[in-house]
Protein backbone atom coordinates (compact mmCIF):
# COMPACT_ATOMS: atom_id res chain seq x y z
CA MET A 1 -30.46 127.76 61.42
CA GLU A 2 -27.86 130.30 62.49
CA GLU A 3 -28.62 132.24 59.30
CA VAL A 4 -32.25 132.79 60.31
CA GLY A 5 -31.08 134.27 63.61
CA GLU A 6 -28.70 136.61 61.80
CA LEU A 7 -31.52 137.80 59.54
CA ALA A 8 -33.82 138.29 62.55
CA ARG A 9 -31.14 140.34 64.31
CA LEU A 10 -30.68 142.53 61.22
CA VAL A 11 -34.44 143.06 60.89
CA ASN A 12 -34.61 144.06 64.57
CA HIS A 13 -31.82 146.58 64.05
CA ARG A 14 -33.38 148.06 60.92
CA PHE A 15 -37.06 148.05 61.76
CA GLY A 16 -37.39 147.31 65.45
CA THR A 17 -36.44 148.99 68.67
CA LYS A 18 -33.32 146.92 69.31
CA PRO A 19 -30.24 148.99 68.41
CA LYS A 20 -27.11 147.47 66.95
CA LYS A 21 -24.25 146.87 69.39
CA PRO A 22 -21.17 149.03 68.71
CA ASP A 23 -18.99 145.99 67.94
CA GLU A 24 -21.48 144.46 65.44
CA SER A 25 -20.53 144.91 61.80
CA GLU A 26 -22.89 146.36 59.21
CA GLN A 27 -24.71 143.59 57.37
CA GLU A 28 -26.52 143.82 54.10
CA MET A 29 -30.15 142.70 53.98
CA ALA A 30 -29.65 141.08 50.56
CA GLU A 31 -26.77 138.94 51.82
CA GLU A 32 -28.67 137.74 54.88
CA LEU A 33 -31.77 136.95 52.82
CA ALA A 34 -29.62 135.02 50.35
CA ASP A 35 -28.00 133.09 53.21
CA VAL A 36 -31.45 132.04 54.46
CA LEU A 37 -32.54 131.13 50.93
CA PHE A 38 -29.47 128.92 50.53
CA VAL A 39 -30.26 127.09 53.79
CA ILE A 40 -33.88 126.61 52.71
CA LEU A 41 -32.80 125.22 49.33
CA CYS A 42 -30.39 122.80 51.01
CA MET A 43 -33.06 121.63 53.47
CA ALA A 44 -35.60 121.13 50.69
CA ASN A 45 -33.10 119.17 48.64
CA GLU A 46 -32.15 116.96 51.58
CA GLN A 47 -35.82 116.31 52.42
CA GLY A 48 -36.91 115.74 48.82
CA VAL A 49 -39.25 118.74 48.82
CA ASP A 50 -40.22 120.14 45.41
CA LEU A 51 -40.07 123.87 46.16
CA ASP A 52 -41.60 124.83 42.81
CA GLU A 53 -44.67 122.78 43.64
CA ALA A 54 -44.79 123.96 47.26
CA PHE A 55 -44.38 127.61 46.24
CA ASP A 56 -47.15 127.36 43.64
CA ALA A 57 -49.46 125.83 46.25
CA VAL A 58 -48.75 128.49 48.85
CA MET A 59 -49.17 131.30 46.31
CA GLU A 60 -52.56 129.89 45.32
CA LYS A 61 -53.50 129.80 49.01
CA TYR A 62 -52.54 133.48 49.36
CA ARG A 63 -54.42 134.42 46.16
CA ARG A 64 -57.60 132.80 47.47
CA ARG A 65 -57.28 134.03 51.04
CA ASP A 66 -55.71 137.46 50.57
CA GLY A 67 -56.32 138.34 46.93
CA ASP A 68 -58.04 141.62 47.79
CA ARG A 69 -55.39 142.69 50.33
CA TRP A 70 -52.46 143.19 47.95
CA VAL A 71 -51.78 145.43 45.00
CA ARG A 72 -49.45 144.04 42.36
CA LYS A 73 -46.48 146.27 41.57
CA MET A 74 -45.90 146.66 37.87
CA GLU A 75 -42.35 147.37 36.70
């Protein structure tokens, strides 16, 4: 769970009021997000969680609950 803390610290530095300490290195958001994703994938695998199924279920929940709150970005 160390990775989640590192991501939280980076988010605080970028978007919050907590400045980075002078001795802290610059960290890339993409790398920290990927670290957290890796940990989540490992946990799901170890626990036998089907993330495709879980993700589909949670996206359906958001579509029903918040469908009128979001605008889809088209690329």
